[in-house]
Amino acid sequence: MSSDHTPSRKRLMLLGVGGLTLAALLVAHGLHARALHARSVSAWTETAAVAQVSVVQPERSAAGDTLRLPAHLEAWSKAPIHARVSGYLKDWKVDIGSRVNAGQVLADIDSPDLDQQLAHTHARLVQQQANARLAATTATRWQHLLASHSVSRQEADEKTSDAAAAKASAEAAAADYARLCALEHYKTLRAPFAGIITARNTDIGQLIKADTDSNLALFNLADTHQLRLYVPVPQNYAAVIHPGLQAELTVPEHPGEHFKAHLIGDSTAVDRRSGTLLAQFVVDNPGDALLPGDYAEATLPVPADTHGVSIPASALIFRAQGTQVALLDAQNRVHLQGIHIGLDLGARLVIDQGLKPADRVVDNPPDALREGDAVQPVAVAGGAHAA
């Protein structure tokens, strides 16, 4: 009976050893798989820890660029029409929007006080002229009497002086009368030049006071066959302004339309308050499409700058060290480079110091980027040349 149980015992031992071996193999395989996974995770983590950055190369602009600036339009000539005589507005002939010719009547003023002064001055002139004629006649007679030794020379000289004084008084009266006659002409308001009435600030029966700065102009007149375009150019771009410069402008009420303008002068001085140079352009306005007082956007051509390179404005880094960009060396490590902006064109910048065309510049650098950091460059599509 003992011989029957011996093979069963051996068989069980063999099965146990096989199970243990299989279990050991399974455990070893699991440990190996876990180690491979851990190494894979570690490698992925190390790879993910290296920042990926967009890289562009500075480029030279051979064709130049454009500069867009806010501007405003003014009439070629404009004049506020004030009264030179006091009185009441008798009537007005034109209203806002009316096109008038030079010398055309705008309104009439009724001035009874001026009429009375004119009549009084005319009467005084007639009186002074009569006195002057009598004094001249008397002086002539006394000169004849002097020749016959009938009067003394002193008396004759007095009569001659009286005649000269009477003549001067007559001339003064004539000048005063002429002044009031000239004022009489100002009772009728006339257009000094051809243009359009842009404002009427009076009405029939209104009291008119002459020569007072506090009163509004009775009419505003503007000549709009041409307009003046005033463009404040920042000091950094003052070199763009030169004789013969052509510009384009757009206005909000005519989207998509472009109007031509040419330079006629500039202020030749930088305004200390705004730091701008005021440039003046002239714009033809045959169809009155443009309105005086309009806000406009002027586009000025910027010539090619062979002494600088351009980069996207998004590549700038503003820190305590000043204006910088992040460059990559041959090992893809970061170097923070100080630069000087020669021209700001909005989305792009012209750099005249600190960059070379062969440099690789990080676009949109992360805030955490530091000197010596290792990064992984990637190319960008569009804009500046991809590195």
Protein backbone atom coordinates (compact mmCIF):
# COMPACT_ATOMS: atom_id res chain seq x y z
CA MET A 1 0.00 0.00 0.00
CA SER A 2 2.91 2.28 0.65
CA SER A 3 4.20 1.58 -2.86
CA ASP A 4 0.89 2.93 -4.35
CA HIS A 5 1.11 6.29 -2.55
CA THR A 6 4.74 7.02 -3.50
CA PRO A 7 4.07 7.93 -7.19
CA SER A 8 1.18 10.21 -6.19
CA ARG A 9 3.41 12.04 -3.75
CA LYS A 10 6.08 12.57 -6.39
CA ARG A 11 3.52 13.78 -8.84
CA LEU A 12 2.23 16.35 -6.40
CA MET A 13 5.74 17.58 -5.71
CA LEU A 14 6.39 18.01 -9.42
CA LEU A 15 3.16 19.94 -9.85
CA GLY A 16 4.04 22.25 -6.93
CA VAL A 17 7.51 22.94 -8.31
CA GLY A 18 6.02 23.74 -11.73
CA GLY A 19 3.45 26.09 -10.22
CA LEU A 20 6.11 27.89 -8.24
CA THR A 21 8.27 28.23 -11.35
CA LEU A 22 5.34 29.55 -13.37
CA ALA A 23 4.48 32.04 -10.64
CA ALA A 24 8.09 33.21 -10.50
CA LEU A 25 8.11 33.68 -14.25
CA LEU A 26 4.90 35.68 -14.12
CA VAL A 27 6.23 37.89 -11.33
CA ALA A 28 9.51 38.43 -13.21
CA HIS A 29 7.61 39.37 -16.37
CA GLY A 30 5.41 41.82 -14.46
CA LEU A 31 8.43 43.44 -12.83
CA HIS A 32 10.15 43.77 -16.19
CA ALA A 33 7.04 45.29 -17.79
CA ARG A 34 6.68 47.73 -14.92
CA ALA A 35 10.33 48.76 -15.23
CA LEU A 36 9.90 49.34 -18.97
CA HIS A 37 6.78 51.44 -18.34
CA ALA A 38 8.57 53.46 -15.66
CA ARG A 39 11.47 54.18 -18.00
CA SER A 40 9.00 55.17 -20.75
CA VAL A 41 7.14 57.54 -18.42
CA SER A 42 10.42 59.03 -17.24
CA ALA A 43 11.58 59.60 -20.83
CA TRP A 44 8.22 61.15 -21.79
CA THR A 45 8.33 63.41 -18.73
CA GLU A 46 11.83 64.57 -19.55
CA THR A 47 10.83 65.24 -23.15
CA ALA A 48 7.68 67.11 -22.10
CA ALA A 49 9.68 69.21 -19.64
CA VAL A 50 11.58 70.84 -22.56
CA ALA A 51 9.53 73.82 -23.74
CA GLN A 52 8.57 74.00 -27.41
CA VAL A 53 8.97 77.49 -28.88
CA SER A 54 8.20 79.08 -32.22
CA VAL A 55 11.30 80.43 -33.92
CA VAL A 56 11.55 83.09 -36.63
CA GLN A 57 14.46 84.77 -38.34
CA PRO A 58 14.88 88.56 -38.67
CA GLU A 59 14.49 89.79 -42.21
CA ARG A 60 15.43 92.87 -44.15
CA SER A 61 12.65 94.79 -45.91
CA ALA A 62 13.72 95.54 -49.46
CA ALA A 63 10.42 97.14 -50.49
CA GLY A 64 9.79 99.23 -47.39
CA ASP A 65 6.57 99.29 -45.40
CA THR A 66 3.61 101.51 -44.51
CA LEU A 67 2.74 103.53 -41.43
CA ARG A 68 -0.89 104.14 -40.39
CA LEU A 69 -1.60 107.20 -38.27
CA PRO A 70 -4.73 109.04 -37.09
CA ALA A 71 -5.35 112.36 -38.82
CA HIS A 72 -8.05 114.96 -39.34
CA LEU A 73 -9.32 117.04 -42.24
CA GLU A 74 -9.87 120.79 -42.35
CA ALA A 75 -11.30 123.09 -45.01
CA TRP A 76 -8.83 124.71 -47.38
CA SER A 77 -10.13 128.10 -46.20
CA LYS A 78 -12.61 128.79 -43.42
CA ALA A 79 -13.93 132.01 -41.94
CA PRO A 80 -16.34 132.88 -39.15
CA ILE A 81 -18.47 135.83 -40.30
CA HIS A 82 -18.94 138.41 -37.51
CA ALA A 83 -20.79 141.73 -37.58
CA ARG A 84 -18.83 145.00 -37.77
CA VAL A 85 -21.86 147.15 -36.89
CA SER A 86 -24.38 146.87 -34.07
CA GLY A 87 -28.10 146.67 -34.67
CA TYR A 88 -30.80 144.12 -35.43
CA LEU A 89 -30.72 141.42 -38.09
CA LYS A 90 -33.05 142.56 -40.83
CA ASP A 91 -32.99 139.32 -42.85
CA TRP A 92 -30.71 136.46 -43.89
CA LYS A 93 -30.33 135.17 -47.44
CA VAL A 94 -28.55 131.80 -47.05
CA ASP A 95 -28.77 128.83 -44.71
CA ILE A 96 -26.48 125.94 -43.78
CA GLY A 97 -25.44 123.88 -46.78
CA SER A 98 -25.85 126.77 -49.20
CA ARG A 99 -23.08 127.20 -51.75
CA VAL A 100 -22.19 130.87 -52.18
CA ASN A 101 -19.92 132.89 -54.44
CA ALA A 102 -17.39 135.50 -53.40
CA GLY A 103 -19.19 138.77 -52.61
CA GLN A 104 -22.65 137.18 -52.38
CA VAL A 105 -25.00 138.75 -49.81
CA LEU A 106 -25.49 136.64 -46.68
CA ALA A 107 -27.61 138.93 -44.48
CA ASP A 108 -28.62 142.56 -43.82
CA ILE A 109 -28.40 144.44 -40.52
CA ASP A 110 -30.69 147.32 -39.56
CA SER A 111 -28.61 149.89 -37.61
CA PRO A 112 -30.55 153.14 -36.88
CA ASP A 113 -27.86 154.37 -34.47
CA LEU A 114 -25.26 154.18 -37.22
CA ASP A 115 -27.58 155.97 -39.62
CA GLN A 116 -27.98 158.86 -37.13
CA GLN A 117 -24.21 159.04 -36.57
CA LEU A 118 -23.66 159.16 -40.30
CA ALA A 119 -26.17 162.00 -40.73
CA HIS A 120 -24.62 163.96 -37.84
CA THR A 121 -21.11 163.47 -39.22
CA HIS A 122 -22.19 164.58 -42.69
CA ALA A 123 -23.69 167.79 -41.28
CA ARG A 124 -20.52 168.45 -39.30
CA LEU A 125 -18.46 167.86 -42.46
CA VAL A 126 -20.52 170.42 -44.38
CA GLN A 127 -20.08 172.90 -41.52
CA GLN A 128 -16.31 172.39 -41.33
CA GLN A 129 -15.95 172.71 -45.09
CA ALA A 130 -17.89 176.01 -45.01
CA ASN A 131 -15.68 177.29 -42.18
CA ALA A 132 -12.59 176.27 -44.12
CA ARG A 133 -13.74 178.15 -47.24
CA LEU A 134 -14.53 181.30 -45.20
CA ALA A 135 -11.17 181.13 -43.42
CA ALA A 136 -9.35 180.70 -46.73
CA THR A 137 -11.17 183.70 -48.23
CA THR A 138 -10.42 185.84 -45.16
CA ALA A 139 -6.75 184.88 -45.22
CA THR A 140 -6.52 185.85 -48.92
CA ARG A 141 -8.10 189.26 -48.27
CA TRP A 142 -5.75 189.97 -45.37
CA GLN A 143 -2.79 189.13 -47.54
CA HIS A 144 -3.95 191.80 -50.02
CA LEU A 145 -4.38 194.26 -47.16
CA LEU A 146 -0.91 193.44 -45.95
CA ALA A 147 0.45 194.25 -49.39
CA SER A 148 -1.05 197.77 -49.10
CA HIS A 149 0.22 198.10 -45.50
CA SER A 150 -3.36 198.36 -44.24
CA VAL A 151 -2.90 195.61 -41.60
CA SER A 152 0.04 194.32 -39.64
CA ARG A 153 1.92 191.15 -40.61
CA GLN A 154 0.90 189.59 -37.26
CA GLU A 155 -2.77 189.93 -38.07
CA ALA A 156 -2.27 188.55 -41.58
CA ASP A 157 -0.35 185.54 -40.24
CA GLU A 158 -3.11 184.85 -37.71
CA LYS A 159 -5.71 184.75 -40.49
CA THR A 160 -3.51 182.43 -42.53
CA SER A 161 -3.13 180.10 -39.52
CA ASP A 162 -6.89 180.17 -38.92
CA ALA A 163 -7.42 179.10 -42.54
CA ALA A 164 -4.97 176.20 -42.16
CA ALA A 165 -6.65 175.05 -38.93
CA ALA A 166 -10.10 175.25 -40.54
CA LYS A 167 -8.83 173.18 -43.48
CA ALA A 168 -7.45 170.52 -41.10
CA SER A 169 -10.76 170.39 -39.22
CA ALA A 170 -12.59 169.91 -42.50
CA GLU A 171 -10.25 167.09 -43.47
CA ALA A 172 -10.78 165.39 -40.06
CA ALA A 173 -14.53 165.67 -40.51
CA ALA A 174 -14.21 164.19 -43.98
CA ALA A 175 -12.19 161.24 -42.61
CA ASP A 176 -14.76 160.62 -39.87
CA TYR A 177 -17.54 160.70 -42.44
CA ALA A 178 -15.66 158.27 -44.69
CA ARG A 179 -15.20 155.89 -41.72
CA LEU A 180 -18.90 155.81 -41.02
CA CYS A 181 -19.66 155.40 -44.72
CA ALA A 182 -17.39 152.33 -44.71
CA LEU A 183 -19.23 150.98 -41.69
CA GLU A 184 -22.50 151.49 -43.57
CA HIS A 185 -21.27 148.95 -46.13
CA TYR A 186 -20.87 146.38 -43.33
CA LYS A 187 -24.62 146.51 -42.71
CA THR A 188 -24.70 144.04 -45.60
CA LEU A 189 -22.78 140.85 -44.82
CA ARG A 190 -21.03 139.35 -47.86
CA ALA A 191 -19.08 136.14 -48.44
CA PRO A 192 -15.31 136.83 -48.53
CA PHE A 193 -14.73 133.83 -50.81
CA ALA A 194 -16.66 131.09 -52.57
CA GLY A 195 -17.62 128.14 -50.39
CA ILE A 196 -20.34 126.44 -48.37
CA ILE A 197 -22.18 127.82 -45.34
CA THR A 198 -21.49 125.36 -42.52
CA ALA A 199 -23.29 127.24 -39.71
CA ARG A 200 -25.92 129.95 -39.22
CA ASN A 201 -26.10 131.26 -35.65
CA THR A 202 -28.54 134.14 -36.06
CA ASP A 203 -32.13 134.89 -37.00
CA ILE A 204 -34.35 137.81 -37.96
CA GLY A 205 -34.72 140.40 -35.20
CA GLN A 206 -31.73 139.23 -33.20
CA LEU A 207 -29.73 141.94 -31.45
CA ILE A 208 -26.28 142.20 -33.02
CA LYS A 209 -23.34 143.56 -31.02
CA ALA A 210 -20.26 144.40 -33.03
CA ASP A 211 -16.63 143.72 -32.12
CA THR A 212 -17.31 141.42 -29.15
CA ASP A 213 -15.28 138.21 -28.90
CA SER A 214 -17.91 136.52 -26.71
CA ASN A 215 -20.56 136.44 -29.46
CA LEU A 216 -20.82 133.52 -31.85
CA ALA A 217 -20.11 134.12 -35.51
CA LEU A 218 -23.27 134.86 -37.46
CA PHE A 219 -22.19 132.46 -40.23
CA ASN A 220 -19.36 130.01 -40.79
CA LEU A 221 -18.03 129.70 -44.34
CA ALA A 222 -15.74 126.93 -45.63
CA ASP A 223 -14.02 126.40 -48.97
CA THR A 224 -14.00 122.62 -49.52
CA HIS A 225 -12.85 122.25 -53.13
CA GLN A 226 -9.61 121.08 -51.48
CA LEU A 227 -9.02 119.97 -47.91
CA ARG A 228 -6.01 120.10 -45.64
CA LEU A 229 -5.01 116.81 -44.01
CA TYR A 230 -3.11 117.21 -40.74
CA VAL A 231 -1.13 114.16 -39.61
CA PRO A 232 0.75 114.18 -36.27
CA VAL A 233 3.82 112.03 -37.01
CA PRO A 234 5.67 110.58 -33.97
CA GLN A 235 9.21 111.79 -33.52
CA ASN A 236 10.69 108.36 -34.31
CA TYR A 237 9.14 108.55 -37.78
CA ALA A 238 9.98 112.19 -38.57
CA ALA A 239 12.50 111.05 -41.19
CA VAL A 240 9.59 109.61 -43.21
CA ILE A 241 8.40 113.18 -44.01
CA HIS A 242 10.16 114.54 -47.08
CA PRO A 243 9.20 116.78 -50.05
CA GLY A 244 7.00 115.03 -52.61
CA LEU A 245 5.66 112.49 -50.11
CA GLN A 246 2.38 110.90 -51.22
CA ALA A 247 -0.14 109.48 -48.75
CA GLU A 248 -3.46 107.67 -48.77
CA LEU A 249 -6.33 108.27 -46.39
CA THR A 250 -9.60 106.62 -45.48
CA VAL A 251 -12.60 108.00 -43.60
CA PRO A 252 -15.22 106.02 -41.64
CA GLU A 253 -18.17 107.17 -43.78
CA HIS A 254 -16.59 105.75 -46.96
CA PRO A 255 -15.28 102.29 -45.99
CA GLY A 256 -13.04 100.70 -48.57
CA GLU A 257 -12.42 103.96 -50.46
CA HIS A 258 -8.92 105.43 -50.60
CA PHE A 259 -8.14 109.07 -51.30
CA LYS A 260 -4.81 110.50 -52.44
CA ALA A 261 -2.97 113.33 -50.70
CA HIS A 262 0.39 114.99 -51.20
CA LEU A 263 2.62 116.79 -48.73
CA ILE A 264 2.70 120.60 -48.81
CA GLY A 265 4.68 121.23 -45.62
CA ASP A 266 5.31 120.38 -41.98
CA SER A 267 5.81 122.24 -38.73
CA THR A 268 9.63 121.64 -38.80
CA ALA A 269 9.44 121.28 -35.02
CA VAL A 270 8.39 118.53 -32.62
CA ASP A 271 5.56 119.39 -30.26
CA ARG A 272 6.92 118.97 -26.74
CA ARG A 273 3.54 117.95 -25.33
CA SER A 274 2.72 115.19 -27.82
CA GLY A 275 6.18 114.35 -29.20
CA THR A 276 4.91 114.59 -32.78
CA LEU A 277 5.79 116.47 -35.96
CA LEU A 278 2.69 117.97 -37.63
CA ALA A 279 2.63 117.24 -41.38
CA GLN A 280 0.18 119.02 -43.71
CA PHE A 281 -1.16 117.36 -46.87
CA VAL A 282 -3.61 118.61 -49.49
CA VAL A 283 -6.49 116.46 -50.76
CA ASP A 284 -8.58 117.20 -53.84
CA ASN A 285 -12.30 117.06 -53.08
CA PRO A 286 -14.20 117.60 -56.36
CA GLY A 287 -17.33 115.69 -55.35
CA ASP A 288 -17.40 116.92 -51.73
CA ALA A 289 -17.02 113.32 -50.61
CA LEU A 290 -14.76 114.43 -47.77
CA LEU A 291 -16.03 116.72 -45.03
CA PRO A 292 -14.04 119.30 -43.07
CA GLY A 293 -13.54 118.17 -39.49
CA ASP A 294 -13.51 114.49 -40.52
CA TYR A 295 -11.45 111.96 -38.58
CA ALA A 296 -9.23 110.08 -41.02
CA GLU A 297 -6.59 107.37 -41.05
CA ALA A 298 -3.52 108.28 -43.09
CA THR A 299 -1.19 105.67 -44.59
CA LEU A 300 2.37 106.85 -45.19
CA PRO A 301 4.99 104.85 -47.12
CA VAL A 302 8.09 103.93 -45.11
CA PRO A 303 11.26 103.47 -47.20
CA ALA A 304 13.36 100.33 -46.91
CA ASP A 305 15.85 100.42 -44.03
CA THR A 306 19.10 98.66 -44.95
CA HIS A 307 20.53 99.28 -41.48
CA GLY A 308 17.97 97.23 -39.56
CA VAL A 309 16.00 94.00 -39.56
CA SER A 310 12.34 93.41 -38.81
CA ILE A 311 10.75 90.94 -36.39
CA PRO A 312 7.20 90.37 -35.14
CA ALA A 313 6.21 92.62 -32.25
CA SER A 314 5.12 89.49 -30.38
CA ALA A 315 8.79 88.49 -29.95
CA LEU A 316 9.51 91.30 -27.48
CA ILE A 317 10.30 90.64 -23.82
CA PHE A 318 9.78 93.49 -21.35
CA ARG A 319 11.68 92.97 -18.13
CA ALA A 320 13.76 94.99 -15.68
CA GLN A 321 16.78 94.64 -17.99
CA GLY A 322 14.94 96.59 -20.72
CA THR A 323 13.62 95.58 -24.13
CA GLN A 324 14.93 92.12 -25.07
CA VAL A 325 14.35 89.15 -27.34
CA ALA A 326 15.17 85.46 -26.78
CA LEU A 327 17.75 84.00 -29.18
CA LEU A 328 18.69 80.32 -29.63
CA ASP A 329 22.27 79.11 -29.97
CA ALA A 330 23.46 76.00 -31.81
CA GLN A 331 22.51 73.78 -28.84
CA ASN A 332 18.98 75.27 -28.70
CA ARG A 333 19.69 77.11 -25.46
CA VAL A 334 18.20 80.51 -24.74
CA HIS A 335 20.19 83.75 -24.74
CA LEU A 336 18.36 86.96 -23.78
CA GLN A 337 19.56 89.74 -26.11
CA GLY A 338 19.00 93.48 -25.55
CA ILE A 339 17.78 95.37 -28.64
CA HIS A 340 16.88 98.88 -29.79
CA ILE A 341 13.64 99.55 -31.70
CA GLY A 342 14.30 101.83 -34.63
CA LEU A 343 10.75 101.89 -36.02
CA ASP A 344 7.45 100.61 -34.68
CA LEU A 345 5.15 99.51 -37.51
CA GLY A 346 2.48 98.02 -35.30
CA ALA A 347 2.56 94.24 -35.85
CA ARG A 348 6.21 94.40 -36.88
CA LEU A 349 9.27 96.20 -35.52
CA VAL A 350 12.41 97.42 -37.23
CA ILE A 351 15.42 96.67 -34.98
CA ASP A 352 18.51 98.76 -35.69
CA GLN A 353 20.72 97.43 -32.87
CA GLY A 354 21.17 93.98 -31.33
CA LEU A 355 20.03 91.60 -34.09
CA LYS A 356 21.49 90.05 -37.24
CA PRO A 357 19.65 88.33 -40.09
CA ALA A 358 21.17 84.94 -39.14
CA ASP A 359 19.82 85.01 -35.57
CA ARG A 360 17.01 82.69 -34.47
CA VAL A 361 14.41 84.62 -32.49
CA VAL A 362 11.77 83.05 -30.22
CA ASP A 363 8.29 84.27 -31.10
CA ASN A 364 5.75 84.62 -28.25
CA PRO A 365 8.33 83.62 -25.58
CA PRO A 366 6.88 82.06 -22.40
CA ASP A 367 7.00 84.19 -19.27
CA ALA A 368 9.10 81.56 -17.47
CA LEU A 369 11.84 81.56 -20.11
CA ARG A 370 15.26 82.24 -18.60
CA GLU A 371 18.85 82.61 -19.75
CA GLY A 372 20.37 79.21 -20.63
CA ASP A 373 17.09 77.27 -20.75
CA ALA A 374 17.01 74.33 -23.18
CA VAL A 375 14.07 74.50 -25.57
CA GLN A 376 12.77 72.63 -28.59
CA PRO A 377 12.31 74.94 -31.61
CA VAL A 378 9.41 74.54 -34.01
CA ALA A 379 8.81 76.43 -37.25
CA VAL A 380 5.92 78.84 -37.76
CA ALA A 381 3.88 79.38 -40.91
CA GLY A 382 3.44 82.85 -42.39
CA GLY A 383 4.80 86.15 -41.14
CA ALA A 384 8.56 86.31 -40.87
CA HIS A 385 10.77 83.55 -42.25
CA ALA A 386 10.64 80.38 -40.17
CA ALA A 387 13.96 79.25 -38.74
